Amino acid sequence: MLNDVVFEVEVNTELNKQYLTDNSLSILSHLRETLQNGEITMTIRIAEDNVIKKPLTSREIFDEMVQQNPSLQKLSDEFGLELN
């Protein structure tokens, strides 16, 4: 419960989120009637540890490495190295 009238559902996949979203009207209708509270609302979110992360490109990996060790940029520049 986020507050007195809002509750949050955490799901593992986008498919689960879509299913709940598609059925939210009937779910909320049932809850509102059963609990006799017409203000109840639901939020749905995907668990953060289950969010699909896109793979990093070679450039993104290199940029992260340069942030940790700026000498890598100097080395790359001196030798004229390029990422594919």
PDB file of N, CA and C in Angstrom:
ATOM      1  N   MET A   1       0.844  -1.179   0.000  1.00  0.00           N
ATOM      2  CA  MET A   1       0.000   0.000   0.000  1.00  0.00           C
ATOM      3  C   MET A   1       0.888   1.240   0.000  1.00  0.00           C
ATOM      4  N   LEU A   2       0.657   2.100  -0.968  1.00  0.00           N
ATOM      5  CA  LEU A   2       1.396   3.355  -1.014  1.00  0.00           C
ATOM      6  C   LEU A   2       0.747   4.407  -0.126  1.00  0.00           C
ATOM      7  N   ASN A   3      -0.568   4.324  -0.009  1.00  0.00           N
ATOM      8  CA  ASN A   3      -1.319   5.154   0.934  1.00  0.00           C
ATOM      9  C   ASN A   3      -2.673   4.481   1.155  1.00  0.00           C
ATOM     10  N   ASP A   4      -3.637   5.207   1.688  1.00  0.00           N
ATOM     11  CA  ASP A   4      -4.928   4.601   2.032  1.00  0.00           C
ATOM     12  C   ASP A   4      -5.715   4.086   0.838  1.00  0.00           C
ATOM     13  N   VAL A   5      -5.472   4.636  -0.338  1.00  0.00           N
ATOM     14  CA  VAL A   5      -6.277   4.239  -1.495  1.00  0.00           C
ATOM     15  C   VAL A   5      -5.459   3.749  -2.691  1.00  0.00           C
ATOM     16  N   VAL A   6      -4.149   3.797  -2.597  1.00  0.00           N
ATOM     17  CA  VAL A   6      -3.298   3.371  -3.712  1.00  0.00           C
ATOM     18  C   VAL A   6      -2.436   2.197  -3.275  1.00  0.00           C
ATOM     19  N   PHE A   7      -2.487   1.127  -4.075  1.00  0.00           N
ATOM     20  CA  PHE A   7      -1.593   0.007  -3.815  1.00  0.00           C
ATOM     21  C   PHE A   7      -0.781  -0.275  -5.064  1.00  0.00           C
ATOM     22  N   GLU A   8       0.381  -0.849  -4.853  1.00  0.00           N
ATOM     23  CA  GLU A   8       1.298  -1.105  -5.952  1.00  0.00           C
ATOM     24  C   GLU A   8       1.499  -2.604  -6.110  1.00  0.00           C
ATOM     25  N   VAL A   9       1.513  -3.034  -7.355  1.00  0.00           N
ATOM     26  CA  VAL A   9       1.778  -4.430  -7.674  1.00  0.00           C
ATOM     27  C   VAL A   9       3.119  -4.477  -8.395  1.00  0.00           C
ATOM     28  N   GLU A  10       4.028  -5.288  -7.884  1.00  0.00           N
ATOM     29  CA  GLU A  10       5.329  -5.453  -8.515  1.00  0.00           C
ATOM     30  C   GLU A  10       5.326  -6.774  -9.276  1.00  0.00           C
ATOM     31  N   VAL A  11       5.672  -6.713 -10.555  1.00  0.00           N
ATOM     32  CA  VAL A  11       5.683  -7.904 -11.400  1.00  0.00           C
ATOM     33  C   VAL A  11       7.090  -8.142 -11.931  1.00  0.00           C
ATOM     34  N   ASN A  12       7.297  -9.328 -12.485  1.00  0.00           N
ATOM     35  CA  ASN A  12       8.627  -9.699 -12.957  1.00  0.00           C
ATOM     36  C   ASN A  12       8.887  -9.387 -14.424  1.00  0.00           C
ATOM     37  N   THR A  13       7.842  -9.346 -15.237  1.00  0.00           N
ATOM     38  CA  THR A  13       8.045  -9.157 -16.669  1.00  0.00           C
ATOM     39  C   THR A  13       7.078  -8.129 -17.241  1.00  0.00           C
ATOM     40  N   GLU A  14       7.424  -7.631 -18.405  1.00  0.00           N
ATOM     41  CA  GLU A  14       6.552  -6.707 -19.128  1.00  0.00           C
ATOM     42  C   GLU A  14       5.239  -7.393 -19.489  1.00  0.00           C
ATOM     43  N   LEU A  15       5.304  -8.681 -19.785  1.00  0.00           N
ATOM     44  CA  LEU A  15       4.095  -9.442 -20.115  1.00  0.00           C
ATOM     45  C   LEU A  15       3.130  -9.470 -18.931  1.00  0.00           C
ATOM     46  N   ASN A  16       3.663  -9.684 -17.722  1.00  0.00           N
ATOM     47  CA  ASN A  16       2.825  -9.655 -16.520  1.00  0.00           C
ATOM     48  C   ASN A  16       2.207  -8.281 -16.316  1.00  0.00           C
ATOM     49  N   LYS A  17       2.997  -7.258 -16.544  1.00  0.00           N
ATOM     50  CA  LYS A  17       2.503  -5.889 -16.390  1.00  0.00           C
ATOM     51  C   LYS A  17       1.372  -5.628 -17.375  1.00  0.00           C
ATOM     52  N   GLN A  18       1.562  -6.053 -18.614  1.00  0.00           N
ATOM     53  CA  GLN A  18       0.535  -5.840 -19.630  1.00  0.00           C
ATOM     54  C   GLN A  18      -0.747  -6.588 -19.287  1.00  0.00           C
ATOM     55  N   TYR A  19      -0.609  -7.816 -18.772  1.00  0.00           N
ATOM     56  CA  TYR A  19      -1.783  -8.604 -18.390  1.00  0.00           C
ATOM     57  C   TYR A  19      -2.577  -7.883 -17.299  1.00  0.00           C
ATOM     58  N   LEU A  20      -1.874  -7.404 -16.278  1.00  0.00           N
ATOM     59  CA  LEU A  20      -2.562  -6.690 -15.199  1.00  0.00           C
ATOM     60  C   LEU A  20      -3.185  -5.388 -15.693  1.00  0.00           C
ATOM     61  N   THR A  21      -2.482  -4.698 -16.556  1.00  0.00           N
ATOM     62  CA  THR A  21      -3.016  -3.454 -17.113  1.00  0.00           C
ATOM     63  C   THR A  21      -4.293  -3.731 -17.900  1.00  0.00           C
ATOM     64  N   ASP A  22      -4.253  -4.782 -18.716  1.00  0.00           N
ATOM     65  CA  ASP A  22      -5.428  -5.145 -19.516  1.00  0.00           C
ATOM     66  C   ASP A  22      -6.623  -5.528 -18.648  1.00  0.00           C
ATOM     67  N   ASN A  23      -6.358  -6.085 -17.473  1.00  0.00           N
ATOM     68  CA  ASN A  23      -7.429  -6.552 -16.594  1.00  0.00           C
ATOM     69  C   ASN A  23      -7.661  -5.645 -15.390  1.00  0.00           C
ATOM     70  N   SER A  24      -7.037  -4.486 -15.380  1.00  0.00           N
ATOM     71  CA  SER A  24      -7.117  -3.620 -14.202  1.00  0.00           C
ATOM     72  C   SER A  24      -8.537  -3.134 -13.915  1.00  0.00           C
ATOM     73  N   LEU A  25      -9.324  -2.893 -14.943  1.00  0.00           N
ATOM     74  CA  LEU A  25     -10.692  -2.415 -14.695  1.00  0.00           C
ATOM     75  C   LEU A  25     -11.507  -3.434 -13.914  1.00  0.00           C
ATOM     76  N   SER A  26     -11.421  -4.694 -14.297  1.00  0.00           N
ATOM     77  CA  SER A  26     -12.193  -5.712 -13.573  1.00  0.00           C
ATOM     78  C   SER A  26     -11.619  -5.960 -12.182  1.00  0.00           C
ATOM     79  N   ILE A  27     -10.303  -5.911 -12.048  1.00  0.00           N
ATOM     80  CA  ILE A  27      -9.667  -6.097 -10.737  1.00  0.00           C
ATOM     81  C   ILE A  27     -10.097  -4.972  -9.792  1.00  0.00           C
ATOM     82  N   LEU A  28      -9.972  -3.739 -10.275  1.00  0.00           N
ATOM     83  CA  LEU A  28     -10.329  -2.589  -9.438  1.00  0.00           C
ATOM     84  C   LEU A  28     -11.818  -2.553  -9.139  1.00  0.00           C
ATOM     85  N   SER A  29     -12.632  -2.920 -10.094  1.00  0.00           N
ATOM     86  CA  SER A  29     -14.077  -2.956  -9.868  1.00  0.00           C
ATOM     87  C   SER A  29     -14.414  -3.925  -8.738  1.00  0.00           C
ATOM     88  N   HIS A  30     -13.804  -5.108  -8.785  1.00  0.00           N
ATOM     89  CA  HIS A  30     -14.041  -6.111  -7.740  1.00  0.00           C
ATOM     90  C   HIS A  30     -13.570  -5.598  -6.377  1.00  0.00           C
ATOM     91  N   LEU A  31     -12.362  -5.045  -6.328  1.00  0.00           N
ATOM     92  CA  LEU A  31     -11.828  -4.544  -5.058  1.00  0.00           C
ATOM     93  C   LEU A  31     -12.663  -3.392  -4.500  1.00  0.00           C
ATOM     94  N   ARG A  32     -13.054  -2.478  -5.364  1.00  0.00           N
ATOM     95  CA  ARG A  32     -13.850  -1.333  -4.915  1.00  0.00           C
ATOM     96  C   ARG A  32     -15.189  -1.778  -4.338  1.00  0.00           C
ATOM     97  N   GLU A  33     -15.792  -2.763  -4.987  1.00  0.00           N
ATOM     98  CA  GLU A  33     -17.083  -3.268  -4.500  1.00  0.00           C
ATOM     99  C   GLU A  33     -16.914  -4.055  -3.208  1.00  0.00           C
ATOM    100  N   THR A  34     -15.930  -4.954  -3.184  1.00  0.00           N
ATOM    101  CA  THR A  34     -15.714  -5.800  -2.015  1.00  0.00           C
ATOM    102  C   THR A  34     -15.309  -4.983  -0.790  1.00  0.00           C
ATOM    103  N   LEU A  35     -14.431  -4.015  -0.999  1.00  0.00           N
ATOM    104  CA  LEU A  35     -13.931  -3.204   0.115  1.00  0.00           C
ATOM    105  C   LEU A  35     -14.774  -1.957   0.362  1.00  0.00           C
ATOM    106  N   GLN A  36     -15.768  -1.754  -0.458  1.00  0.00           N
ATOM    107  CA  GLN A  36     -16.658  -0.596  -0.350  1.00  0.00           C
ATOM    108  C   GLN A  36     -15.864   0.713  -0.295  1.00  0.00           C
ATOM    109  N   ASN A  37     -14.935   0.816  -1.247  1.00  0.00           N
ATOM    110  CA  ASN A  37     -14.099   2.008  -1.342  1.00  0.00           C
ATOM    111  C   ASN A  37     -13.880   2.310  -2.827  1.00  0.00           C
ATOM    112  N   GLY A  38     -14.608   3.277  -3.334  1.00  0.00           N
ATOM    113  CA  GLY A  38     -14.539   3.617  -4.748  1.00  0.00           C
ATOM    114  C   GLY A  38     -13.307   4.383  -5.166  1.00  0.00           C
ATOM    115  N   GLU A  39     -12.440   4.708  -4.216  1.00  0.00           N
ATOM    116  CA  GLU A  39     -11.250   5.499  -4.535  1.00  0.00           C
ATOM    117  C   GLU A  39      -9.999   4.652  -4.734  1.00  0.00           C
ATOM    118  N   ILE A  40     -10.107   3.352  -4.562  1.00  0.00           N
ATOM    119  CA  ILE A  40      -8.936   2.478  -4.670  1.00  0.00           C
ATOM    120  C   ILE A  40      -8.360   2.538  -6.083  1.00  0.00           C
ATOM    121  N   THR A  41      -7.043   2.697  -6.154  1.00  0.00           N
ATOM    122  CA  THR A  41      -6.343   2.663  -7.436  1.00  0.00           C
ATOM    123  C   THR A  41      -5.131   1.750  -7.323  1.00  0.00           C
ATOM    124  N   MET A  42      -4.649   1.321  -8.481  1.00  0.00           N
ATOM    125  CA  MET A  42      -3.544   0.367  -8.518  1.00  0.00           C
ATOM    126  C   MET A  42      -2.455   0.899  -9.444  1.00  0.00           C
ATOM    127  N   THR A  43      -1.216   0.770  -9.004  1.00  0.00           N
ATOM    128  CA  THR A  43      -0.083   1.047  -9.879  1.00  0.00           C
ATOM    129  C   THR A  43       0.658  -0.262 -10.089  1.00  0.00           C
ATOM    130  N   ILE A  44       1.266  -0.389 -11.249  1.00  0.00           N
ATOM    131  CA  ILE A  44       1.975  -1.620 -11.599  1.00  0.00           C
ATOM    132  C   ILE A  44       3.377  -1.236 -12.029  1.00  0.00           C
ATOM    133  N   ARG A  45       4.355  -1.951 -11.509  1.00  0.00           N
ATOM    134  CA  ARG A  45       5.732  -1.687 -11.936  1.00  0.00           C
ATOM    135  C   ARG A  45       6.496  -2.991 -12.043  1.00  0.00           C
ATOM    136  N   ILE A  46       7.498  -2.985 -12.881  1.00  0.00           N
ATOM    137  CA  ILE A  46       8.361  -4.146 -13.063  1.00  0.00           C
ATOM    138  C   ILE A  46       9.478  -4.056 -12.033  1.00  0.00           C
ATOM    139  N   ALA A  47       9.760  -5.166 -11.373  1.00  0.00           N
ATOM    140  CA  ALA A  47      10.835  -5.202 -10.383  1.00  0.00           C
ATOM    141  C   ALA A  47      12.136  -4.762 -11.051  1.00  0.00           C
ATOM    142  N   GLU A  48      12.868  -3.890 -10.390  1.00  0.00           N
ATOM    143  CA  GLU A  48      14.083  -3.327 -10.979  1.00  0.00           C
ATOM    144  C   GLU A  48      15.112  -4.372 -11.352  1.00  0.00           C
ATOM    145  N   ASP A  49      15.254  -5.400 -10.555  1.00  0.00           N
ATOM    146  CA  ASP A  49      16.256  -6.411 -10.864  1.00  0.00           C
ATOM    147  C   ASP A  49      15.848  -7.275 -12.047  1.00  0.00           C
ATOM    148  N   ASN A  50      14.621  -7.114 -12.534  1.00  0.00           N
ATOM    149  CA  ASN A  50      14.154  -7.879 -13.682  1.00  0.00           C
ATOM    150  C   ASN A  50      14.054  -7.047 -14.952  1.00  0.00           C
ATOM    151  N   VAL A  51      14.384  -5.775 -14.871  1.00  0.00           N
ATOM    152  CA  VAL A  51      14.325  -4.930 -16.054  1.00  0.00           C
ATOM    153  C   VAL A  51      15.435  -5.373 -17.001  1.00  0.00           C
ATOM    154  N   ILE A  52      15.074  -5.580 -18.241  1.00  0.00           N
ATOM    155  CA  ILE A  52      16.050  -6.035 -19.230  1.00  0.00           C
ATOM    156  C   ILE A  52      16.969  -4.872 -19.571  1.00  0.00           C
ATOM    157  N   LYS A  53      18.251  -5.115 -19.417  1.00  0.00           N
ATOM    158  CA  LYS A  53      19.236  -4.091 -19.710  1.00  0.00           C
ATOM    159  C   LYS A  53      19.831  -4.378 -21.075  1.00  0.00           C
ATOM    160  N   LYS A  54      19.915  -3.343 -21.898  1.00  0.00           N
ATOM    161  CA  LYS A  54      20.474  -3.548 -23.224  1.00  0.00           C
ATOM    162  C   LYS A  54      21.987  -3.704 -23.101  1.00  0.00           C
ATOM    163  N   PRO A  55      22.563  -4.537 -23.940  1.00  0.00           N
ATOM    164  CA  PRO A  55      24.016  -4.720 -23.901  1.00  0.00           C
ATOM    165  C   PRO A  55      24.729  -3.417 -24.276  1.00  0.00           C
ATOM    166  N   LEU A  56      25.863  -3.193 -23.658  1.00  0.00           N
ATOM    167  CA  LEU A  56      26.641  -1.997 -23.956  1.00  0.00           C
ATOM    168  C   LEU A  56      27.398  -2.176 -25.264  1.00  0.00           C
ATOM    169  N   THR A  57      27.521  -1.091 -26.007  1.00  0.00           N
ATOM    170  CA  THR A  57      28.326  -1.118 -27.227  1.00  0.00           C
ATOM    171  C   THR A  57      29.799  -1.010 -26.836  1.00  0.00           C
ATOM    172  N   SER A  58      30.662  -1.267 -27.802  1.00  0.00           N
ATOM    173  CA  SER A  58      32.101  -1.135 -27.547  1.00  0.00           C
ATOM    174  C   SER A  58      32.437   0.280 -27.098  1.00  0.00           C
ATOM    175  N   ARG A  59      31.794   1.268 -27.716  1.00  0.00           N
ATOM    176  CA  ARG A  59      32.036   2.667 -27.363  1.00  0.00           C
ATOM    177  C   ARG A  59      31.608   2.944 -25.919  1.00  0.00           C
ATOM    178  N   GLU A  60      30.452   2.429 -25.524  1.00  0.00           N
ATOM    179  CA  GLU A  60      29.956   2.647 -24.162  1.00  0.00           C
ATOM    180  C   GLU A  60      30.873   1.985 -23.135  1.00  0.00           C
ATOM    181  N   ILE A  61      31.352   0.797 -23.446  1.00  0.00           N
ATOM    182  CA  ILE A  61      32.285   0.107 -22.545  1.00  0.00           C
ATOM    183  C   ILE A  61      33.566   0.921 -22.410  1.00  0.00           C
ATOM    184  N   PHE A  62      34.097   1.386 -23.550  1.00  0.00           N
ATOM    185  CA  PHE A  62      35.318   2.183 -23.531  1.00  0.00           C
ATOM    186  C   PHE A  62      35.116   3.468 -22.730  1.00  0.00           C
ATOM    187  N   ASP A  63      33.992   4.154 -22.947  1.00  0.00           N
ATOM    188  CA  ASP A  63      33.720   5.396 -22.218  1.00  0.00           C
ATOM    189  C   ASP A  63      33.667   5.165 -20.710  1.00  0.00           C
ATOM    190  N   GLU A  64      33.084   4.047 -20.290  1.00  0.00           N
ATOM    191  CA  GLU A  64      33.055   3.723 -18.856  1.00  0.00           C
ATOM    192  C   GLU A  64      34.461   3.468 -18.332  1.00  0.00           C
ATOM    193  N   MET A  65      35.277   2.783 -19.134  1.00  0.00           N
ATOM    194  CA  MET A  65      36.655   2.513 -18.725  1.00  0.00           C
ATOM    195  C   MET A  65      37.452   3.814 -18.622  1.00  0.00           C
ATOM    196  N   VAL A  66      37.214   4.742 -19.550  1.00  0.00           N
ATOM    197  CA  VAL A  66      37.905   6.036 -19.525  1.00  0.00           C
ATOM    198  C   VAL A  66      37.514   6.831 -18.284  1.00  0.00           C
ATOM    199  N   GLN A  67      36.262   6.715 -17.858  1.00  0.00           N
ATOM    200  CA  GLN A  67      35.842   7.403 -16.638  1.00  0.00           C
ATOM    201  C   GLN A  67      36.621   6.884 -15.437  1.00  0.00           C
ATOM    202  N   GLN A  68      36.918   5.591 -15.440  1.00  0.00           N
ATOM    203  CA  GLN A  68      37.670   5.008 -14.331  1.00  0.00           C
ATOM    204  C   GLN A  68      39.166   5.280 -14.462  1.00  0.00           C
ATOM    205  N   ASN A  69      39.657   5.388 -15.713  1.00  0.00           N
ATOM    206  CA  ASN A  69      41.079   5.603 -15.937  1.00  0.00           C
ATOM    207  C   ASN A  69      41.258   6.492 -17.171  1.00  0.00           C
ATOM    208  N   PRO A  70      41.313   7.811 -16.976  1.00  0.00           N
ATOM    209  CA  PRO A  70      41.425   8.746 -18.103  1.00  0.00           C
ATOM    210  C   PRO A  70      42.661   8.528 -18.976  1.00  0.00           C
ATOM    211  N   SER A  71      43.665   7.843 -18.474  1.00  0.00           N
ATOM    212  CA  SER A  71      44.866   7.573 -19.269  1.00  0.00           C
ATOM    213  C   SER A  71      44.556   6.718 -20.489  1.00  0.00           C
ATOM    214  N   LEU A  72      43.484   5.953 -20.441  1.00  0.00           N
ATOM    215  CA  LEU A  72      43.107   5.127 -21.590  1.00  0.00           C
ATOM    216  C   LEU A  72      42.786   5.984 -22.809  1.00  0.00           C
ATOM    217  N   GLN A  73      42.157   7.131 -22.593  1.00  0.00           N
ATOM    218  CA  GLN A  73      41.834   8.023 -23.713  1.00  0.00           C
ATOM    219  C   GLN A  73      43.111   8.549 -24.340  1.00  0.00           C
ATOM    220  N   LYS A  74      44.064   8.933 -23.502  1.00  0.00           N
ATOM    221  CA  LYS A  74      45.346   9.433 -24.002  1.00  0.00           C
ATOM    222  C   LYS A  74      46.058   8.346 -24.795  1.00  0.00           C
ATOM    223  N   LEU A  75      46.061   7.133 -24.283  1.00  0.00           N
ATOM    224  CA  LEU A  75      46.691   6.004 -24.964  1.00  0.00           C
ATOM    225  C   LEU A  75      46.026   5.758 -26.319  1.00  0.00           C
ATOM    226  N   SER A  76      44.716   5.778 -26.338  1.00  0.00           N
ATOM    227  CA  SER A  76      43.967   5.570 -27.578  1.00  0.00           C
ATOM    228  C   SER A  76      44.285   6.666 -28.599  1.00  0.00           C
ATOM    229  N   ASP A  77      44.356   7.905 -28.131  1.00  0.00           N
ATOM    230  CA  ASP A  77      44.662   9.027 -29.024  1.00  0.00           C
ATOM    231  C   ASP A  77      46.082   8.939 -29.575  1.00  0.00           C
ATOM    232  N   GLU A  78      47.045   8.601 -28.718  1.00  0.00           N
ATOM    233  CA  GLU A  78      48.445   8.543 -29.140  1.00  0.00           C
ATOM    234  C   GLU A  78      48.685   7.476 -30.196  1.00  0.00           C
ATOM    235  N   PHE A  79      47.995   6.356 -30.082  1.00  0.00           N
ATOM    236  CA  PHE A  79      48.201   5.262 -31.028  1.00  0.00           C
ATOM    237  C   PHE A  79      47.169   5.258 -32.157  1.00  0.00           C
ATOM    238  N   GLY A  80      46.286   6.235 -32.158  1.00  0.00           N
ATOM    239  CA  GLY A  80      45.285   6.326 -33.220  1.00  0.00           C
ATOM    240  C   GLY A  80      44.333   5.143 -33.244  1.00  0.00           C
ATOM    241  N   LEU A  81      43.992   4.633 -32.070  1.00  0.00           N
ATOM    242  CA  LEU A  81      43.105   3.471 -31.994  1.00  0.00           C
ATOM    243  C   LEU A  81      41.652   3.900 -32.174  1.00  0.00           C
ATOM    244  N   GLU A  82      40.892   3.065 -32.875  1.00  0.00           N
ATOM    245  CA  GLU A  82      39.472   3.328 -33.082  1.00  0.00           C
ATOM    246  C   GLU A  82      38.675   2.095 -32.709  1.00  0.00           C
ATOM    247  N   LEU A  83      37.483   2.314 -32.185  1.00  0.00           N
ATOM    248  CA  LEU A  83      36.586   1.204 -31.849  1.00  0.00           C
ATOM    249  C   LEU A  83      35.686   0.904 -33.030  1.00  0.00           C
ATOM    250  N   ASN A  84      35.433  -0.375 -33.229  1.00  0.00           N
ATOM    251  CA  ASN A  84      34.520  -0.791 -34.309  1.00  0.00           C
ATOM    252  C   ASN A  84      33.135  -0.945 -33.791  1.00  0.00           C
TER     253      ASN A  84
END
